[in-house]
Amino acid sequence: MSKMTKAQIVAAMSQATGLSKKDVNGFFETLSEMTYKEVKKNGECLVPGFGKLVKAKRKAREGRNPATGETINIPAKTVVKFRLAKAVKDAVL
């Protein structure tokens, strides 16, 4: 099972909508930029029909170096998580 590349997605969207590949690619670039800015500013961004990107804080914790087995300290950090919309879960699962 192979994954679709960005070029394949752009080509498929272009064919399905009748827009040029350049316009579809521009749409994806703009959507990405807007999403990044929204998550950074408000801590979350809703992508209708797909889900929500949410900024979350991870606590500091201890981990292990898999090569040596040595205990290491992993610092606290902020990460972005994606929560699927119910419609996507129902359609896929």
PDB file of N, CA and C in Angstrom:
ATOM      1  N   MET A   1       0.851  -1.169   0.000  1.00  0.00           N
ATOM      2  CA  MET A   1       0.000   0.000   0.000  1.00  0.00           C
ATOM      3  C   MET A   1       0.907   1.245   0.000  1.00  0.00           C
ATOM      4  N   SER A   2       0.798   2.059  -1.028  1.00  0.00           N
ATOM      5  CA  SER A   2       1.636   3.253  -1.109  1.00  0.00           C
ATOM      6  C   SER A   2       0.850   4.487  -0.685  1.00  0.00           C
ATOM      7  N   LYS A   3       1.588   5.460  -0.179  1.00  0.00           N
ATOM      8  CA  LYS A   3       0.981   6.710   0.269  1.00  0.00           C
ATOM      9  C   LYS A   3       0.945   7.690  -0.890  1.00  0.00           C
ATOM     10  N   MET A   4      -0.075   8.562  -0.902  1.00  0.00           N
ATOM     11  CA  MET A   4      -0.148   9.594  -1.934  1.00  0.00           C
ATOM     12  C   MET A   4       0.847  10.688  -1.617  1.00  0.00           C
ATOM     13  N   THR A   5       1.584  11.135  -2.629  1.00  0.00           N
ATOM     14  CA  THR A   5       2.497  12.247  -2.453  1.00  0.00           C
ATOM     15  C   THR A   5       1.731  13.548  -2.637  1.00  0.00           C
ATOM     16  N   LYS A   6       2.364  14.646  -2.277  1.00  0.00           N
ATOM     17  CA  LYS A   6       1.726  15.949  -2.452  1.00  0.00           C
ATOM     18  C   LYS A   6       1.403  16.186  -3.927  1.00  0.00           C
ATOM     19  N   ALA A   7       2.319  15.820  -4.814  1.00  0.00           N
ATOM     20  CA  ALA A   7       2.102  16.006  -6.253  1.00  0.00           C
ATOM     21  C   ALA A   7       0.889  15.203  -6.733  1.00  0.00           C
ATOM     22  N   GLN A   8       0.713  13.989  -6.219  1.00  0.00           N
ATOM     23  CA  GLN A   8      -0.428  13.167  -6.607  1.00  0.00           C
ATOM     24  C   GLN A   8      -1.739  13.753  -6.082  1.00  0.00           C
ATOM     25  N   ILE A   9      -1.704  14.276  -4.851  1.00  0.00           N
ATOM     26  CA  ILE A   9      -2.901  14.908  -4.284  1.00  0.00           C
ATOM     27  C   ILE A   9      -3.272  16.147  -5.091  1.00  0.00           C
ATOM     28  N   VAL A  10      -2.275  16.965  -5.418  1.00  0.00           N
ATOM     29  CA  VAL A  10      -2.524  18.178  -6.201  1.00  0.00           C
ATOM     30  C   VAL A  10      -3.096  17.814  -7.567  1.00  0.00           C
ATOM     31  N   ALA A  11      -2.544  16.804  -8.219  1.00  0.00           N
ATOM     32  CA  ALA A  11      -3.036  16.378  -9.533  1.00  0.00           C
ATOM     33  C   ALA A  11      -4.481  15.875  -9.444  1.00  0.00           C
ATOM     34  N   ALA A  12      -4.784  15.078  -8.416  1.00  0.00           N
ATOM     35  CA  ALA A  12      -6.139  14.545  -8.253  1.00  0.00           C
ATOM     36  C   ALA A  12      -7.140  15.667  -7.965  1.00  0.00           C
ATOM     37  N   MET A  13      -6.765  16.601  -7.095  1.00  0.00           N
ATOM     38  CA  MET A  13      -7.645  17.729  -6.790  1.00  0.00           C
ATOM     39  C   MET A  13      -7.849  18.612  -8.022  1.00  0.00           C
ATOM     40  N   SER A  14      -6.801  18.800  -8.791  1.00  0.00           N
ATOM     41  CA  SER A  14      -6.892  19.600 -10.010  1.00  0.00           C
ATOM     42  C   SER A  14      -7.872  18.971 -10.996  1.00  0.00           C
ATOM     43  N   GLN A  15      -7.768  17.673 -11.157  1.00  0.00           N
ATOM     44  CA  GLN A  15      -8.661  16.963 -12.075  1.00  0.00           C
ATOM     45  C   GLN A  15     -10.101  16.973 -11.557  1.00  0.00           C
ATOM     46  N   ALA A  16     -10.289  16.807 -10.260  1.00  0.00           N
ATOM     47  CA  ALA A  16     -11.642  16.742  -9.691  1.00  0.00           C
ATOM     48  C   ALA A  16     -12.344  18.102  -9.708  1.00  0.00           C
ATOM     49  N   THR A  17     -11.591  19.190  -9.544  1.00  0.00           N
ATOM     50  CA  THR A  17     -12.208  20.513  -9.457  1.00  0.00           C
ATOM     51  C   THR A  17     -12.145  21.318 -10.741  1.00  0.00           C
ATOM     52  N   GLY A  18     -11.270  20.933 -11.665  1.00  0.00           N
ATOM     53  CA  GLY A  18     -11.122  21.692 -12.895  1.00  0.00           C
ATOM     54  C   GLY A  18     -10.210  22.898 -12.740  1.00  0.00           C
ATOM     55  N   LEU A  19      -9.603  23.053 -11.571  1.00  0.00           N
ATOM     56  CA  LEU A  19      -8.647  24.141 -11.345  1.00  0.00           C
ATOM     57  C   LEU A  19      -7.271  23.706 -11.830  1.00  0.00           C
ATOM     58  N   SER A  20      -6.404  24.681 -12.070  1.00  0.00           N
ATOM     59  CA  SER A  20      -5.045  24.342 -12.490  1.00  0.00           C
ATOM     60  C   SER A  20      -4.266  23.791 -11.298  1.00  0.00           C
ATOM     61  N   LYS A  21      -3.218  23.031 -11.597  1.00  0.00           N
ATOM     62  CA  LYS A  21      -2.382  22.485 -10.529  1.00  0.00           C
ATOM     63  C   LYS A  21      -1.752  23.615  -9.718  1.00  0.00           C
ATOM     64  N   LYS A  22      -1.424  24.704 -10.383  1.00  0.00           N
ATOM     65  CA  LYS A  22      -0.817  25.860  -9.708  1.00  0.00           C
ATOM     66  C   LYS A  22      -1.796  26.452  -8.689  1.00  0.00           C
ATOM     67  N   ASP A  23      -3.069  26.561  -9.061  1.00  0.00           N
ATOM     68  CA  ASP A  23      -4.084  27.105  -8.148  1.00  0.00           C
ATOM     69  C   ASP A  23      -4.305  26.167  -6.952  1.00  0.00           C
ATOM     70  N   VAL A  24      -4.375  24.863  -7.209  1.00  0.00           N
ATOM     71  CA  VAL A  24      -4.583  23.894  -6.138  1.00  0.00           C
ATOM     72  C   VAL A  24      -3.381  23.902  -5.186  1.00  0.00           C
ATOM     73  N   ASN A  25      -2.179  23.950  -5.742  1.00  0.00           N
ATOM     74  CA  ASN A  25      -0.975  23.990  -4.917  1.00  0.00           C
ATOM     75  C   ASN A  25      -0.960  25.263  -4.067  1.00  0.00           C
ATOM     76  N   GLY A  26      -1.355  26.384  -4.651  1.00  0.00           N
ATOM     77  CA  GLY A  26      -1.444  27.638  -3.918  1.00  0.00           C
ATOM     78  C   GLY A  26      -2.447  27.556  -2.775  1.00  0.00           C
ATOM     79  N   PHE A  27      -3.572  26.882  -3.019  1.00  0.00           N
ATOM     80  CA  PHE A  27      -4.578  26.690  -1.973  1.00  0.00           C
ATOM     81  C   PHE A  27      -3.985  25.930  -0.790  1.00  0.00           C
ATOM     82  N   PHE A  28      -3.287  24.816  -1.072  1.00  0.00           N
ATOM     83  CA  PHE A  28      -2.697  24.015   0.005  1.00  0.00           C
ATOM     84  C   PHE A  28      -1.644  24.805   0.778  1.00  0.00           C
ATOM     85  N   GLU A  29      -0.836  25.580   0.080  1.00  0.00           N
ATOM     86  CA  GLU A  29       0.187  26.396   0.741  1.00  0.00           C
ATOM     87  C   GLU A  29      -0.470  27.429   1.663  1.00  0.00           C
ATOM     88  N   THR A  30      -1.503  28.097   1.171  1.00  0.00           N
ATOM     89  CA  THR A  30      -2.206  29.101   1.968  1.00  0.00           C
ATOM     90  C   THR A  30      -2.888  28.465   3.171  1.00  0.00           C
ATOM     91  N   LEU A  31      -3.542  27.318   2.970  1.00  0.00           N
ATOM     92  CA  LEU A  31      -4.190  26.604   4.073  1.00  0.00           C
ATOM     93  C   LEU A  31      -3.172  26.231   5.150  1.00  0.00           C
ATOM     94  N   SER A  32      -2.009  25.748   4.736  1.00  0.00           N
ATOM     95  CA  SER A  32      -0.961  25.370   5.686  1.00  0.00           C
ATOM     96  C   SER A  32      -0.502  26.581   6.493  1.00  0.00           C
ATOM     97  N   GLU A  33      -0.214  27.681   5.820  1.00  0.00           N
ATOM     98  CA  GLU A  33       0.258  28.889   6.500  1.00  0.00           C
ATOM     99  C   GLU A  33      -0.788  29.408   7.493  1.00  0.00           C
ATOM    100  N   MET A  34      -2.039  29.447   7.069  1.00  0.00           N
ATOM    101  CA  MET A  34      -3.109  29.922   7.946  1.00  0.00           C
ATOM    102  C   MET A  34      -3.258  29.018   9.163  1.00  0.00           C
ATOM    103  N   THR A  35      -3.156  27.710   8.956  1.00  0.00           N
ATOM    104  CA  THR A  35      -3.286  26.755  10.049  1.00  0.00           C
ATOM    105  C   THR A  35      -2.164  26.927  11.061  1.00  0.00           C
ATOM    106  N   TYR A  36      -0.917  27.075  10.586  1.00  0.00           N
ATOM    107  CA  TYR A  36       0.227  27.263  11.486  1.00  0.00           C
ATOM    108  C   TYR A  36       0.054  28.518  12.331  1.00  0.00           C
ATOM    109  N   LYS A  37      -0.345  29.601  11.686  1.00  0.00           N
ATOM    110  CA  LYS A  37      -0.520  30.870  12.398  1.00  0.00           C
ATOM    111  C   LYS A  37      -1.632  30.776  13.442  1.00  0.00           C
ATOM    112  N   GLU A  38      -2.721  30.120  13.088  1.00  0.00           N
ATOM    113  CA  GLU A  38      -3.867  30.000  13.993  1.00  0.00           C
ATOM    114  C   GLU A  38      -3.520  29.163  15.223  1.00  0.00           C
ATOM    115  N   VAL A  39      -2.812  28.049  15.027  1.00  0.00           N
ATOM    116  CA  VAL A  39      -2.420  27.204  16.155  1.00  0.00           C
ATOM    117  C   VAL A  39      -1.455  27.963  17.058  1.00  0.00           C
ATOM    118  N   LYS A  40      -0.512  28.674  16.457  1.00  0.00           N
ATOM    119  CA  LYS A  40       0.458  29.433  17.251  1.00  0.00           C
ATOM    120  C   LYS A  40      -0.232  30.538  18.043  1.00  0.00           C
ATOM    121  N   LYS A  41      -1.214  31.212  17.437  1.00  0.00           N
ATOM    122  CA  LYS A  41      -1.894  32.344  18.067  1.00  0.00           C
ATOM    123  C   LYS A  41      -2.918  31.903  19.107  1.00  0.00           C
ATOM    124  N   ASN A  42      -3.795  30.965  18.764  1.00  0.00           N
ATOM    125  CA  ASN A  42      -4.927  30.595  19.623  1.00  0.00           C
ATOM    126  C   ASN A  42      -4.808  29.222  20.290  1.00  0.00           C
ATOM    127  N   GLY A  43      -3.800  28.440  19.922  1.00  0.00           N
ATOM    128  CA  GLY A  43      -3.639  27.132  20.537  1.00  0.00           C
ATOM    129  C   GLY A  43      -4.416  26.020  19.861  1.00  0.00           C
ATOM    130  N   GLU A  44      -5.258  26.342  18.902  1.00  0.00           N
ATOM    131  CA  GLU A  44      -5.977  25.309  18.147  1.00  0.00           C
ATOM    132  C   GLU A  44      -6.484  25.866  16.833  1.00  0.00           C
ATOM    133  N   CYS A  45      -6.718  24.964  15.887  1.00  0.00           N
ATOM    134  CA  CYS A  45      -7.261  25.355  14.588  1.00  0.00           C
ATOM    135  C   CYS A  45      -8.140  24.226  14.073  1.00  0.00           C
ATOM    136  N   LEU A  46      -9.363  24.551  13.733  1.00  0.00           N
ATOM    137  CA  LEU A  46     -10.315  23.586  13.205  1.00  0.00           C
ATOM    138  C   LEU A  46     -10.161  23.502  11.690  1.00  0.00           C
ATOM    139  N   VAL A  47      -9.999  22.283  11.176  1.00  0.00           N
ATOM    140  CA  VAL A  47      -9.968  22.038   9.739  1.00  0.00           C
ATOM    141  C   VAL A  47     -11.273  21.308   9.428  1.00  0.00           C
ATOM    142  N   PRO A  48     -12.286  22.036   8.918  1.00  0.00           N
ATOM    143  CA  PRO A  48     -13.619  21.449   8.734  1.00  0.00           C
ATOM    144  C   PRO A  48     -13.597  20.141   7.941  1.00  0.00           C
ATOM    145  N   GLY A  49     -14.286  19.146   8.471  1.00  0.00           N
ATOM    146  CA  GLY A  49     -14.383  17.857   7.804  1.00  0.00           C
ATOM    147  C   GLY A  49     -13.244  16.908   8.119  1.00  0.00           C
ATOM    148  N   PHE A  50     -12.146  17.389   8.716  1.00  0.00           N
ATOM    149  CA  PHE A  50     -10.994  16.539   9.011  1.00  0.00           C
ATOM    150  C   PHE A  50     -10.728  16.416  10.499  1.00  0.00           C
ATOM    151  N   GLY A  51     -10.679  17.539  11.194  1.00  0.00           N
ATOM    152  CA  GLY A  51     -10.369  17.498  12.613  1.00  0.00           C
ATOM    153  C   GLY A  51      -9.828  18.817  13.113  1.00  0.00           C
ATOM    154  N   LYS A  52      -9.054  18.730  14.194  1.00  0.00           N
ATOM    155  CA  LYS A  52      -8.575  19.925  14.855  1.00  0.00           C
ATOM    156  C   LYS A  52      -7.114  19.738  15.246  1.00  0.00           C
ATOM    157  N   LEU A  53      -6.289  20.757  14.979  1.00  0.00           N
ATOM    158  CA  LEU A  53      -4.916  20.794  15.465  1.00  0.00           C
ATOM    159  C   LEU A  53      -4.927  21.522  16.797  1.00  0.00           C
ATOM    160  N   VAL A  54      -4.322  20.912  17.830  1.00  0.00           N
ATOM    161  CA  VAL A  54      -4.360  21.464  19.178  1.00  0.00           C
ATOM    162  C   VAL A  54      -2.947  21.504  19.758  1.00  0.00           C
ATOM    163  N   LYS A  55      -2.588  22.639  20.339  1.00  0.00           N
ATOM    164  CA  LYS A  55      -1.304  22.774  21.014  1.00  0.00           C
ATOM    165  C   LYS A  55      -1.443  22.187  22.415  1.00  0.00           C
ATOM    166  N   ALA A  56      -0.495  21.331  22.818  1.00  0.00           N
ATOM    167  CA  ALA A  56      -0.548  20.685  24.128  1.00  0.00           C
ATOM    168  C   ALA A  56       0.830  20.731  24.775  1.00  0.00           C
ATOM    169  N   LYS A  57       0.842  20.764  26.103  1.00  0.00           N
ATOM    170  CA  LYS A  57       2.102  20.768  26.850  1.00  0.00           C
ATOM    171  C   LYS A  57       2.399  19.361  27.348  1.00  0.00           C
ATOM    172  N   ARG A  58       3.661  18.946  27.188  1.00  0.00           N
ATOM    173  CA  ARG A  58       4.116  17.663  27.722  1.00  0.00           C
ATOM    174  C   ARG A  58       4.968  17.931  28.949  1.00  0.00           C
ATOM    175  N   LYS A  59       4.766  17.149  29.981  1.00  0.00           N
ATOM    176  CA  LYS A  59       5.553  17.283  31.201  1.00  0.00           C
ATOM    177  C   LYS A  59       6.946  16.703  30.983  1.00  0.00           C
ATOM    178  N   ALA A  60       7.889  17.151  31.810  1.00  0.00           N
ATOM    179  CA  ALA A  60       9.225  16.560  31.805  1.00  0.00           C
ATOM    180  C   ALA A  60       9.108  15.135  32.325  1.00  0.00           C
ATOM    181  N   ARG A  61       9.946  14.253  31.809  1.00  0.00           N
ATOM    182  CA  ARG A  61       9.867  12.864  32.235  1.00  0.00           C
ATOM    183  C   ARG A  61      11.222  12.187  32.063  1.00  0.00           C
ATOM    184  N   GLU A  62      11.329  11.009  32.615  1.00  0.00           N
ATOM    185  CA  GLU A  62      12.541  10.225  32.452  1.00  0.00           C
ATOM    186  C   GLU A  62      12.346   9.239  31.312  1.00  0.00           C
ATOM    187  N   GLY A  63      13.408   9.021  30.565  1.00  0.00           N
ATOM    188  CA  GLY A  63      13.371   8.062  29.477  1.00  0.00           C
ATOM    189  C   GLY A  63      14.630   7.218  29.496  1.00  0.00           C
ATOM    190  N   ARG A  64      14.761   6.328  28.535  1.00  0.00           N
ATOM    191  CA  ARG A  64      15.953   5.479  28.451  1.00  0.00           C
ATOM    192  C   ARG A  64      16.542   5.581  27.054  1.00  0.00           C
ATOM    193  N   ASN A  65      17.873   5.653  27.022  1.00  0.00           N
ATOM    194  CA  ASN A  65      18.589   5.597  25.759  1.00  0.00           C
ATOM    195  C   ASN A  65      18.523   4.144  25.299  1.00  0.00           C
ATOM    196  N   PRO A  66      17.901   3.844  24.153  1.00  0.00           N
ATOM    197  CA  PRO A  66      17.732   2.451  23.744  1.00  0.00           C
ATOM    198  C   PRO A  66      19.051   1.748  23.439  1.00  0.00           C
ATOM    199  N   ALA A  67      20.071   2.502  23.055  1.00  0.00           N
ATOM    200  CA  ALA A  67      21.351   1.879  22.724  1.00  0.00           C
ATOM    201  C   ALA A  67      22.120   1.447  23.969  1.00  0.00           C
ATOM    202  N   THR A  68      22.096   2.294  25.010  1.00  0.00           N
ATOM    203  CA  THR A  68      22.902   2.010  26.203  1.00  0.00           C
ATOM    204  C   THR A  68      22.075   1.604  27.418  1.00  0.00           C
ATOM    205  N   GLY A  69      20.792   1.908  27.408  1.00  0.00           N
ATOM    206  CA  GLY A  69      19.948   1.624  28.555  1.00  0.00           C
ATOM    207  C   GLY A  69      20.069   2.672  29.651  1.00  0.00           C
ATOM    208  N   GLU A  70      20.862   3.692  29.398  1.00  0.00           N
ATOM    209  CA  GLU A  70      21.076   4.770  30.366  1.00  0.00           C
ATOM    210  C   GLU A  70      19.803   5.597  30.543  1.00  0.00           C
ATOM    211  N   THR A  71      19.509   5.978  31.795  1.00  0.00           N
ATOM    212  CA  THR A  71      18.356   6.826  32.086  1.00  0.00           C
ATOM    213  C   THR A  71      18.709   8.262  31.717  1.00  0.00           C
ATOM    214  N   ILE A  72      17.787   8.916  30.992  1.00  0.00           N
ATOM    215  CA  ILE A  72      17.994  10.315  30.599  1.00  0.00           C
ATOM    216  C   ILE A  72      16.772  11.131  30.999  1.00  0.00           C
ATOM    217  N   ASN A  73      16.977  12.428  31.173  1.00  0.00           N
ATOM    218  CA  ASN A  73      15.865  13.335  31.479  1.00  0.00           C
ATOM    219  C   ASN A  73      15.387  13.972  30.187  1.00  0.00           C
ATOM    220  N   ILE A  74      14.093  13.875  29.938  1.00  0.00           N
ATOM    221  CA  ILE A  74      13.485  14.488  28.761  1.00  0.00           C
ATOM    222  C   ILE A  74      12.775  15.749  29.244  1.00  0.00           C
ATOM    223  N   PRO A  75      13.157  16.934  28.729  1.00  0.00           N
ATOM    224  CA  PRO A  75      12.569  18.176  29.228  1.00  0.00           C
ATOM    225  C   PRO A  75      11.112  18.361  28.785  1.00  0.00           C
ATOM    226  N   ALA A  76      10.402  19.215  29.509  1.00  0.00           N
ATOM    227  CA  ALA A  76       9.025  19.556  29.138  1.00  0.00           C
ATOM    228  C   ALA A  76       9.056  20.309  27.816  1.00  0.00           C
ATOM    229  N   LYS A  77       8.007  20.152  27.025  1.00  0.00           N
ATOM    230  CA  LYS A  77       7.934  20.884  25.764  1.00  0.00           C
ATOM    231  C   LYS A  77       6.490  20.982  25.298  1.00  0.00           C
ATOM    232  N   THR A  78       6.264  21.853  24.328  1.00  0.00           N
ATOM    233  CA  THR A  78       4.951  22.043  23.731  1.00  0.00           C
ATOM    234  C   THR A  78       4.929  21.312  22.393  1.00  0.00           C
ATOM    235  N   VAL A  79       3.860  20.560  22.146  1.00  0.00           N
ATOM    236  CA  VAL A  79       3.708  19.811  20.908  1.00  0.00           C
ATOM    237  C   VAL A  79       2.352  20.129  20.278  1.00  0.00           C
ATOM    238  N   VAL A  80       2.186  19.758  19.025  1.00  0.00           N
ATOM    239  CA  VAL A  80       0.904  19.931  18.346  1.00  0.00           C
ATOM    240  C   VAL A  80       0.332  18.546  18.086  1.00  0.00           C
ATOM    241  N   LYS A  81      -0.927  18.349  18.466  1.00  0.00           N
ATOM    242  CA  LYS A  81      -1.610  17.076  18.256  1.00  0.00           C
ATOM    243  C   LYS A  81      -2.776  17.292  17.298  1.00  0.00           C
ATOM    244  N   PHE A  82      -3.113  16.237  16.557  1.00  0.00           N
ATOM    245  CA  PHE A  82      -4.244  16.301  15.640  1.00  0.00           C
ATOM    246  C   PHE A  82      -5.340  15.392  16.148  1.00  0.00           C
ATOM    247  N   ARG A  83      -6.533  15.941  16.294  1.00  0.00           N
ATOM    248  CA  ARG A  83      -7.703  15.166  16.734  1.00  0.00           C
ATOM    249  C   ARG A  83      -8.650  15.013  15.553  1.00  0.00           C
ATOM    250  N   LEU A  84      -8.915  13.783  15.179  1.00  0.00           N
ATOM    251  CA  LEU A  84      -9.797  13.511  14.042  1.00  0.00           C
ATOM    252  C   LEU A  84     -11.238  13.900  14.336  1.00  0.00           C
ATOM    253  N   ALA A  85     -11.917  14.355  13.302  1.00  0.00           N
ATOM    254  CA  ALA A  85     -13.357  14.648  13.418  1.00  0.00           C
ATOM    255  C   ALA A  85     -14.124  13.341  13.494  1.00  0.00           C
ATOM    256  N   LYS A  86     -15.283  13.364  14.122  1.00  0.00           N
ATOM    257  CA  LYS A  86     -16.109  12.168  14.275  1.00  0.00           C
ATOM    258  C   LYS A  86     -16.481  11.577  12.903  1.00  0.00           C
ATOM    259  N   ALA A  87     -16.763  12.443  11.944  1.00  0.00           N
ATOM    260  CA  ALA A  87     -17.145  11.975  10.605  1.00  0.00           C
ATOM    261  C   ALA A  87     -16.011  11.177   9.964  1.00  0.00           C
ATOM    262  N   VAL A  88     -14.774  11.579  10.173  1.00  0.00           N
ATOM    263  CA  VAL A  88     -13.627  10.847   9.620  1.00  0.00           C
ATOM    264  C   VAL A  88     -13.492   9.501  10.306  1.00  0.00           C
ATOM    265  N   LYS A  89     -13.617   9.494  11.637  1.00  0.00           N
ATOM    266  CA  LYS A  89     -13.524   8.230  12.373  1.00  0.00           C
ATOM    267  C   LYS A  89     -14.588   7.248  11.883  1.00  0.00           C
ATOM    268  N   ASP A  90     -15.813   7.724  11.732  1.00  0.00           N
ATOM    269  CA  ASP A  90     -16.915   6.871  11.299  1.00  0.00           C
ATOM    270  C   ASP A  90     -16.682   6.352   9.867  1.00  0.00           C
ATOM    271  N   ALA A  91     -16.160   7.207   8.993  1.00  0.00           N
ATOM    272  CA  ALA A  91     -15.951   6.818   7.593  1.00  0.00           C
ATOM    273  C   ALA A  91     -14.803   5.821   7.447  1.00  0.00           C
ATOM    274  N   VAL A  92     -13.756   5.993   8.236  1.00  0.00           N
ATOM    275  CA  VAL A  92     -12.571   5.138   8.099  1.00  0.00           C
ATOM    276  C   VAL A  92     -12.642   3.878   8.952  1.00  0.00           C
ATOM    277  N   LEU A  93     -13.125   4.029  10.169  1.00  0.00           N
ATOM    278  CA  LEU A  93     -13.174   2.879  11.074  1.00  0.00           C
ATOM    279  C   LEU A  93     -14.506   2.202  10.922  1.00  0.00           C
TER     280      LEU A  93
END
